[in-house]
Amino acid sequence: MLYDISPPLHTGMPVWPGDTPFQAYRVWRLEHSCPVNVSRIALSTHAGAHADAPLHYLAGGMAIGDTPLEPYLGPCRLIHCLGGGALGAEELQAALARLPGPLPERILLRTWLRSPTTRWDPAFRALSAAAIDWLGGQGVRLIGVDSPSLDPADSKTLPAHHAVARAGMAILENLLLDAVPEGDYELIALPLRLSGLDASPVRAVLRSFN
């Protein structure tokens, strides 16, 4: 079974305040004088489900087109952390302990009861740097969340992002996890090969092992 965990990209979709809104234009239209439809889109590199590159939060960091693809493809574990406030290491460890078996290299966190796909909501759950440090110590290579950022909306220092950098992990943000049960899956969420850029939209899916 496949779960599509990518929110739809469409005009009017919520974006980070001040970021580029999604827009689509029909450049060529299928009609008697033209054999094809061709469109043009304008969007942020952080539109919808997306992968952050180190360049997003580190001066001189690696661009998304240069990042290794291996973290974005392979076994993962999805857990639900639907409480409030920052998600700390102890709560994360307790949530992961609900599922048996060795910890995979990719961890996805559902934090919204229902993702706000029609409006911007800054009251999302952030992760503590301690939680990221603990995951890194367990050999986790990718952290994915259903929120727009690992850090709070008003953060200027981005401690969780910098903890990811220390651990050499990859980041997926703004996933749509409302309909996916906790469990182990295969993650497929490859970023585009965008040269010199700070992030890339992804088409993220989970494939059940059953």
C-alpha atoms as a PDB file:
ATOM      1  CA  MET A   1       0.000   0.000   0.000  1.00  0.00           C
ATOM      2  CA  LEU A   2       1.205   3.522  -0.830  1.00  0.00           C
ATOM      3  CA  TYR A   3       0.542   6.593   1.302  1.00  0.00           C
ATOM      4  CA  ASP A   4       1.045   9.918  -0.470  1.00  0.00           C
ATOM      5  CA  ILE A   5       2.381  12.224   2.257  1.00  0.00           C
ATOM      6  CA  SER A   6       2.820  15.287   0.026  1.00  0.00           C
ATOM      7  CA  PRO A   7       0.358  18.164   0.482  1.00  0.00           C
ATOM      8  CA  PRO A   8      -1.071  19.366  -2.855  1.00  0.00           C
ATOM      9  CA  LEU A   9       0.645  22.348  -4.466  1.00  0.00           C
ATOM     10  CA  HIS A  10      -1.968  24.872  -5.560  1.00  0.00           C
ATOM     11  CA  THR A  11      -2.714  28.572  -5.728  1.00  0.00           C
ATOM     12  CA  GLY A  12      -3.724  29.835  -2.300  1.00  0.00           C
ATOM     13  CA  MET A  13      -1.897  27.145  -0.338  1.00  0.00           C
ATOM     14  CA  PRO A  14      -0.360  28.381   2.945  1.00  0.00           C
ATOM     15  CA  VAL A  15       3.302  29.407   2.854  1.00  0.00           C
ATOM     16  CA  TRP A  16       5.700  30.785   5.433  1.00  0.00           C
ATOM     17  CA  PRO A  17       4.821  34.493   5.881  1.00  0.00           C
ATOM     18  CA  GLY A  18       6.791  36.535   3.362  1.00  0.00           C
ATOM     19  CA  ASP A  19       7.798  33.528   1.262  1.00  0.00           C
ATOM     20  CA  THR A  20       6.848  33.104  -2.398  1.00  0.00           C
ATOM     21  CA  PRO A  21       3.201  32.087  -2.898  1.00  0.00           C
ATOM     22  CA  PHE A  22       2.505  29.255  -5.297  1.00  0.00           C
ATOM     23  CA  GLN A  23       1.332  30.419  -8.723  1.00  0.00           C
ATOM     24  CA  ALA A  24       0.646  28.529 -11.953  1.00  0.00           C
ATOM     25  CA  TYR A  25       0.203  29.911 -15.477  1.00  0.00           C
ATOM     26  CA  ARG A  26      -0.860  28.244 -18.721  1.00  0.00           C
ATOM     27  CA  VAL A  27       1.745  29.368 -21.270  1.00  0.00           C
ATOM     28  CA  TRP A  28       0.542  27.254 -24.197  1.00  0.00           C
ATOM     29  CA  ARG A  29      -3.006  25.954 -24.432  1.00  0.00           C
ATOM     30  CA  LEU A  30      -4.155  22.877 -26.304  1.00  0.00           C
ATOM     31  CA  GLU A  31      -6.344  24.146 -29.127  1.00  0.00           C
ATOM     32  CA  HIS A  32      -6.614  24.071 -32.906  1.00  0.00           C
ATOM     33  CA  SER A  33      -3.313  25.934 -33.439  1.00  0.00           C
ATOM     34  CA  CYS A  34      -1.341  24.276 -30.620  1.00  0.00           C
ATOM     35  CA  PRO A  35      -0.969  20.519 -30.011  1.00  0.00           C
ATOM     36  CA  VAL A  36      -0.005  20.689 -26.287  1.00  0.00           C
ATOM     37  CA  ASN A  37      -0.628  22.276 -22.903  1.00  0.00           C
ATOM     38  CA  VAL A  38       2.483  23.780 -21.256  1.00  0.00           C
ATOM     39  CA  SER A  39       2.459  25.572 -17.910  1.00  0.00           C
ATOM     40  CA  ARG A  40       4.810  27.740 -15.896  1.00  0.00           C
ATOM     41  CA  ILE A  41       4.947  27.695 -12.086  1.00  0.00           C
ATOM     42  CA  ALA A  42       6.378  30.050  -9.474  1.00  0.00           C
ATOM     43  CA  LEU A  43       7.032  28.619  -6.035  1.00  0.00           C
ATOM     44  CA  SER A  44       9.382  28.629  -3.074  1.00  0.00           C
ATOM     45  CA  THR A  45      12.021  25.942  -2.740  1.00  0.00           C
ATOM     46  CA  HIS A  46      10.213  25.236   0.570  1.00  0.00           C
ATOM     47  CA  ALA A  47       6.761  24.777  -0.984  1.00  0.00           C
ATOM     48  CA  GLY A  48       4.772  21.806   0.297  1.00  0.00           C
ATOM     49  CA  ALA A  49       6.727  18.717   1.335  1.00  0.00           C
ATOM     50  CA  HIS A  50      10.372  19.650   0.930  1.00  0.00           C
ATOM     51  CA  ALA A  51      13.948  18.746   1.787  1.00  0.00           C
ATOM     52  CA  ASP A  52      16.115  21.346   3.493  1.00  0.00           C
ATOM     53  CA  ALA A  53      19.740  21.509   2.390  1.00  0.00           C
ATOM     54  CA  PRO A  54      22.513  22.580   4.786  1.00  0.00           C
ATOM     55  CA  LEU A  55      22.764  25.743   2.658  1.00  0.00           C
ATOM     56  CA  HIS A  56      19.359  26.757   4.060  1.00  0.00           C
ATOM     57  CA  TYR A  57      20.763  27.400   7.537  1.00  0.00           C
ATOM     58  CA  LEU A  58      24.574  27.285   7.223  1.00  0.00           C
ATOM     59  CA  ALA A  59      26.736  29.831   5.425  1.00  0.00           C
ATOM     60  CA  GLY A  60      28.662  27.826   2.862  1.00  0.00           C
ATOM     61  CA  GLY A  61      26.527  24.729   3.494  1.00  0.00           C
ATOM     62  CA  MET A  62      25.930  22.096   0.830  1.00  0.00           C
ATOM     63  CA  ALA A  63      23.267  22.886  -1.774  1.00  0.00           C
ATOM     64  CA  ILE A  64      20.357  20.512  -2.262  1.00  0.00           C
ATOM     65  CA  GLY A  65      21.545  19.401  -5.704  1.00  0.00           C
ATOM     66  CA  ASP A  66      24.769  18.126  -4.140  1.00  0.00           C
ATOM     67  CA  THR A  67      23.334  16.286  -1.138  1.00  0.00           C
ATOM     68  CA  PRO A  68      23.495  12.463  -1.113  1.00  0.00           C
ATOM     69  CA  LEU A  69      20.210  10.768  -2.037  1.00  0.00           C
ATOM     70  CA  GLU A  70      20.523   7.745   0.256  1.00  0.00           C
ATOM     71  CA  PRO A  71      18.877   9.345   3.330  1.00  0.00           C
ATOM     72  CA  TYR A  72      15.687  10.057   1.354  1.00  0.00           C
ATOM     73  CA  LEU A  73      15.079   6.455   0.288  1.00  0.00           C
ATOM     74  CA  GLY A  74      14.744   3.437   2.561  1.00  0.00           C
ATOM     75  CA  PRO A  75      13.160   2.028   5.721  1.00  0.00           C
ATOM     76  CA  CYS A  76      11.660   4.539   8.133  1.00  0.00           C
ATOM     77  CA  ARG A  77       9.538   4.642  11.279  1.00  0.00           C
ATOM     78  CA  LEU A  78       6.563   6.956  11.712  1.00  0.00           C
ATOM     79  CA  ILE A  79       5.464   7.847  15.234  1.00  0.00           C
ATOM     80  CA  HIS A  80       2.682  10.105  16.505  1.00  0.00           C
ATOM     81  CA  CYS A  81       3.639  12.906  18.929  1.00  0.00           C
ATOM     82  CA  LEU A  82       0.393  14.876  19.199  1.00  0.00           C
ATOM     83  CA  GLY A  83       1.013  16.811  22.405  1.00  0.00           C
ATOM     84  CA  GLY A  84       1.815  20.505  22.797  1.00  0.00           C
ATOM     85  CA  GLY A  85       4.982  22.498  23.273  1.00  0.00           C
ATOM     86  CA  ALA A  86       8.473  21.632  22.155  1.00  0.00           C
ATOM     87  CA  LEU A  87       9.103  17.939  21.579  1.00  0.00           C
ATOM     88  CA  GLY A  88      11.926  16.898  23.876  1.00  0.00           C
ATOM     89  CA  ALA A  89      14.202  13.886  23.998  1.00  0.00           C
ATOM     90  CA  GLU A  90      12.303  12.035  26.743  1.00  0.00           C
ATOM     91  CA  GLU A  91       8.925  12.284  24.997  1.00  0.00           C
ATOM     92  CA  LEU A  92      10.512  11.241  21.721  1.00  0.00           C
ATOM     93  CA  GLN A  93      12.190   8.224  23.310  1.00  0.00           C
ATOM     94  CA  ALA A  94       8.913   7.155  24.952  1.00  0.00           C
ATOM     95  CA  ALA A  95       7.044   7.448  21.638  1.00  0.00           C
ATOM     96  CA  LEU A  96       9.638   5.415  19.784  1.00  0.00           C
ATOM     97  CA  ALA A  97       9.543   2.762  22.505  1.00  0.00           C
ATOM     98  CA  ARG A  98       5.912   2.005  21.611  1.00  0.00           C
ATOM     99  CA  LEU A  99       7.087   0.193  18.485  1.00  0.00           C
ATOM    100  CA  PRO A 100       9.294  -2.903  18.634  1.00  0.00           C
ATOM    101  CA  GLY A 101      12.442  -3.566  16.694  1.00  0.00           C
ATOM    102  CA  PRO A 102      15.703  -1.780  15.933  1.00  0.00           C
ATOM    103  CA  LEU A 103      15.490   1.922  15.167  1.00  0.00           C
ATOM    104  CA  PRO A 104      15.632   2.624  11.405  1.00  0.00           C
ATOM    105  CA  GLU A 105      17.871   5.337   9.986  1.00  0.00           C
ATOM    106  CA  ARG A 106      14.849   7.503   9.080  1.00  0.00           C
ATOM    107  CA  ILE A 107      12.327   8.846  11.592  1.00  0.00           C
ATOM    108  CA  LEU A 108       9.084  10.677  10.715  1.00  0.00           C
ATOM    109  CA  LEU A 109       7.044  12.547  13.328  1.00  0.00           C
ATOM    110  CA  ARG A 110       3.348  13.309  13.099  1.00  0.00           C
ATOM    111  CA  THR A 111       2.640  16.266  15.401  1.00  0.00           C
ATOM    112  CA  TRP A 112      -0.635  17.678  13.996  1.00  0.00           C
ATOM    113  CA  LEU A 113      -3.978  16.058  14.764  1.00  0.00           C
ATOM    114  CA  ARG A 114      -5.054  17.605  11.461  1.00  0.00           C
ATOM    115  CA  SER A 115      -2.554  19.476   9.310  1.00  0.00           C
ATOM    116  CA  PRO A 116      -3.603  23.063   8.477  1.00  0.00           C
ATOM    117  CA  THR A 117      -3.513  22.704   4.693  1.00  0.00           C
ATOM    118  CA  THR A 118      -5.695  25.774   4.026  1.00  0.00           C
ATOM    119  CA  ARG A 119      -4.120  28.366   6.348  1.00  0.00           C
ATOM    120  CA  TRP A 120      -0.814  29.350   7.905  1.00  0.00           C
ATOM    121  CA  ASP A 121      -0.624  28.307  11.568  1.00  0.00           C
ATOM    122  CA  PRO A 122       2.536  29.279  13.491  1.00  0.00           C
ATOM    123  CA  ALA A 123       1.570  27.167  16.533  1.00  0.00           C
ATOM    124  CA  PHE A 124       3.290  24.004  15.341  1.00  0.00           C
ATOM    125  CA  ARG A 125       5.403  21.682  17.481  1.00  0.00           C
ATOM    126  CA  ALA A 126       9.136  22.259  17.269  1.00  0.00           C
ATOM    127  CA  LEU A 127      11.863  19.791  18.229  1.00  0.00           C
ATOM    128  CA  SER A 128      14.432  20.420  20.907  1.00  0.00           C
ATOM    129  CA  ALA A 129      18.094  20.270  19.994  1.00  0.00           C
ATOM    130  CA  ALA A 130      18.454  17.556  22.646  1.00  0.00           C
ATOM    131  CA  ALA A 131      15.928  15.381  20.783  1.00  0.00           C
ATOM    132  CA  ILE A 132      17.891  15.801  17.549  1.00  0.00           C
ATOM    133  CA  ASP A 133      21.188  15.079  19.321  1.00  0.00           C
ATOM    134  CA  TRP A 134      19.729  11.863  20.755  1.00  0.00           C
ATOM    135  CA  LEU A 135      18.491  10.719  17.322  1.00  0.00           C
ATOM    136  CA  GLY A 136      21.885  11.438  15.827  1.00  0.00           C
ATOM    137  CA  GLY A 137      23.480   9.341  18.558  1.00  0.00           C
ATOM    138  CA  GLN A 138      21.240   6.437  17.544  1.00  0.00           C
ATOM    139  CA  GLY A 139      22.490   6.555  13.960  1.00  0.00           C
ATOM    140  CA  VAL A 140      19.430   8.291  12.484  1.00  0.00           C
ATOM    141  CA  ARG A 141      20.225   9.843   9.084  1.00  0.00           C
ATOM    142  CA  LEU A 142      16.955  11.659   8.336  1.00  0.00           C
ATOM    143  CA  ILE A 143      14.300  13.415  10.410  1.00  0.00           C
ATOM    144  CA  GLY A 144      10.941  14.210   8.807  1.00  0.00           C
ATOM    145  CA  VAL A 145       8.118  16.278  10.295  1.00  0.00           C
ATOM    146  CA  ASP A 146       4.618  17.418   9.322  1.00  0.00           C
ATOM    147  CA  SER A 147       5.372  20.965  10.478  1.00  0.00           C
ATOM    148  CA  PRO A 148       6.895  23.785   8.400  1.00  0.00           C
ATOM    149  CA  SER A 149      10.107  23.758  10.443  1.00  0.00           C
ATOM    150  CA  LEU A 150      12.044  21.817  13.061  1.00  0.00           C
ATOM    151  CA  ASP A 151      12.380  25.077  14.996  1.00  0.00           C
ATOM    152  CA  PRO A 152       9.693  27.461  16.319  1.00  0.00           C
ATOM    153  CA  ALA A 153       8.231  29.981  13.878  1.00  0.00           C
ATOM    154  CA  ASP A 154       9.880  32.893  15.732  1.00  0.00           C
ATOM    155  CA  SER A 155      13.312  31.294  16.206  1.00  0.00           C
ATOM    156  CA  LYS A 156      16.301  33.329  15.043  1.00  0.00           C
ATOM    157  CA  THR A 157      18.979  30.832  16.095  1.00  0.00           C
ATOM    158  CA  LEU A 158      17.522  27.547  14.718  1.00  0.00           C
ATOM    159  CA  PRO A 159      19.012  25.220  17.374  1.00  0.00           C
ATOM    160  CA  ALA A 160      17.294  22.095  16.014  1.00  0.00           C
ATOM    161  CA  HIS A 161      18.563  22.747  12.476  1.00  0.00           C
ATOM    162  CA  HIS A 162      22.088  23.237  13.787  1.00  0.00           C
ATOM    163  CA  ALA A 163      21.801  20.014  15.808  1.00  0.00           C
ATOM    164  CA  VAL A 164      20.914  18.286  12.522  1.00  0.00           C
ATOM    165  CA  ALA A 165      24.073  19.748  11.000  1.00  0.00           C
ATOM    166  CA  ARG A 166      26.181  18.404  13.879  1.00  0.00           C
ATOM    167  CA  ALA A 167      24.708  14.943  13.340  1.00  0.00           C
ATOM    168  CA  GLY A 168      24.997  15.051   9.542  1.00  0.00           C
ATOM    169  CA  MET A 169      21.293  14.303   9.138  1.00  0.00           C
ATOM    170  CA  ALA A 170      18.879  15.175   6.335  1.00  0.00           C
ATOM    171  CA  ILE A 171      15.593  17.050   6.868  1.00  0.00           C
ATOM    172  CA  LEU A 172      12.108  16.665   5.422  1.00  0.00           C
ATOM    173  CA  GLU A 173       9.460  19.203   6.433  1.00  0.00           C
ATOM    174  CA  ASN A 174       5.765  19.892   5.830  1.00  0.00           C
ATOM    175  CA  LEU A 175       4.796  16.269   5.254  1.00  0.00           C
ATOM    176  CA  LEU A 176       1.095  15.321   5.312  1.00  0.00           C
ATOM    177  CA  LEU A 177       0.792  12.495   7.831  1.00  0.00           C
ATOM    178  CA  ASP A 178      -2.830  12.808   9.007  1.00  0.00           C
ATOM    179  CA  ALA A 179      -3.988   9.478   7.563  1.00  0.00           C
ATOM    180  CA  VAL A 180      -0.923   7.310   8.204  1.00  0.00           C
ATOM    181  CA  PRO A 181      -0.813   4.877  11.155  1.00  0.00           C
ATOM    182  CA  GLU A 182       2.273   4.561  13.291  1.00  0.00           C
ATOM    183  CA  GLY A 183       4.635   1.927  12.028  1.00  0.00           C
ATOM    184  CA  ASP A 184       7.513   1.014   9.774  1.00  0.00           C
ATOM    185  CA  TYR A 185       7.484   1.878   6.064  1.00  0.00           C
ATOM    186  CA  GLU A 186       9.703   2.443   3.068  1.00  0.00           C
ATOM    187  CA  LEU A 187      10.229   6.163   2.505  1.00  0.00           C
ATOM    188  CA  ILE A 188      10.627   7.546  -1.017  1.00  0.00           C
ATOM    189  CA  ALA A 189      11.138  11.338  -1.049  1.00  0.00           C
ATOM    190  CA  LEU A 190      13.877  12.355  -3.472  1.00  0.00           C
ATOM    191  CA  PRO A 191      14.724  16.054  -3.863  1.00  0.00           C
ATOM    192  CA  LEU A 192      15.193  17.616  -7.267  1.00  0.00           C
ATOM    193  CA  ARG A 193      18.747  18.188  -8.477  1.00  0.00           C
ATOM    194  CA  LEU A 194      18.595  21.972  -8.088  1.00  0.00           C
ATOM    195  CA  SER A 195      22.075  23.469  -8.415  1.00  0.00           C
ATOM    196  CA  GLY A 196      23.115  25.992  -5.794  1.00  0.00           C
ATOM    197  CA  LEU A 197      19.753  26.115  -3.995  1.00  0.00           C
ATOM    198  CA  ASP A 198      18.770  25.796  -0.332  1.00  0.00           C
ATOM    199  CA  ALA A 199      15.896  23.272  -0.570  1.00  0.00           C
ATOM    200  CA  SER A 200      13.721  21.302  -2.951  1.00  0.00           C
ATOM    201  CA  PRO A 201      10.083  20.243  -3.071  1.00  0.00           C
ATOM    202  CA  VAL A 202       9.669  16.447  -2.973  1.00  0.00           C
ATOM    203  CA  ARG A 203       6.922  13.983  -3.846  1.00  0.00           C
ATOM    204  CA  ALA A 204       7.028  12.014  -0.620  1.00  0.00           C
ATOM    205  CA  VAL A 205       5.386   8.598  -0.326  1.00  0.00           C
ATOM    206  CA  LEU A 206       5.413   5.770   2.211  1.00  0.00           C
ATOM    207  CA  ARG A 207       5.147   2.178   1.062  1.00  0.00           C
ATOM    208  CA  SER A 208       3.828  -0.401   3.513  1.00  0.00           C
ATOM    209  CA  PHE A 209       5.876  -3.554   4.012  1.00  0.00           C
ATOM    210  CA  ASN A 210       2.679  -5.618   4.444  1.00  0.00           C
END
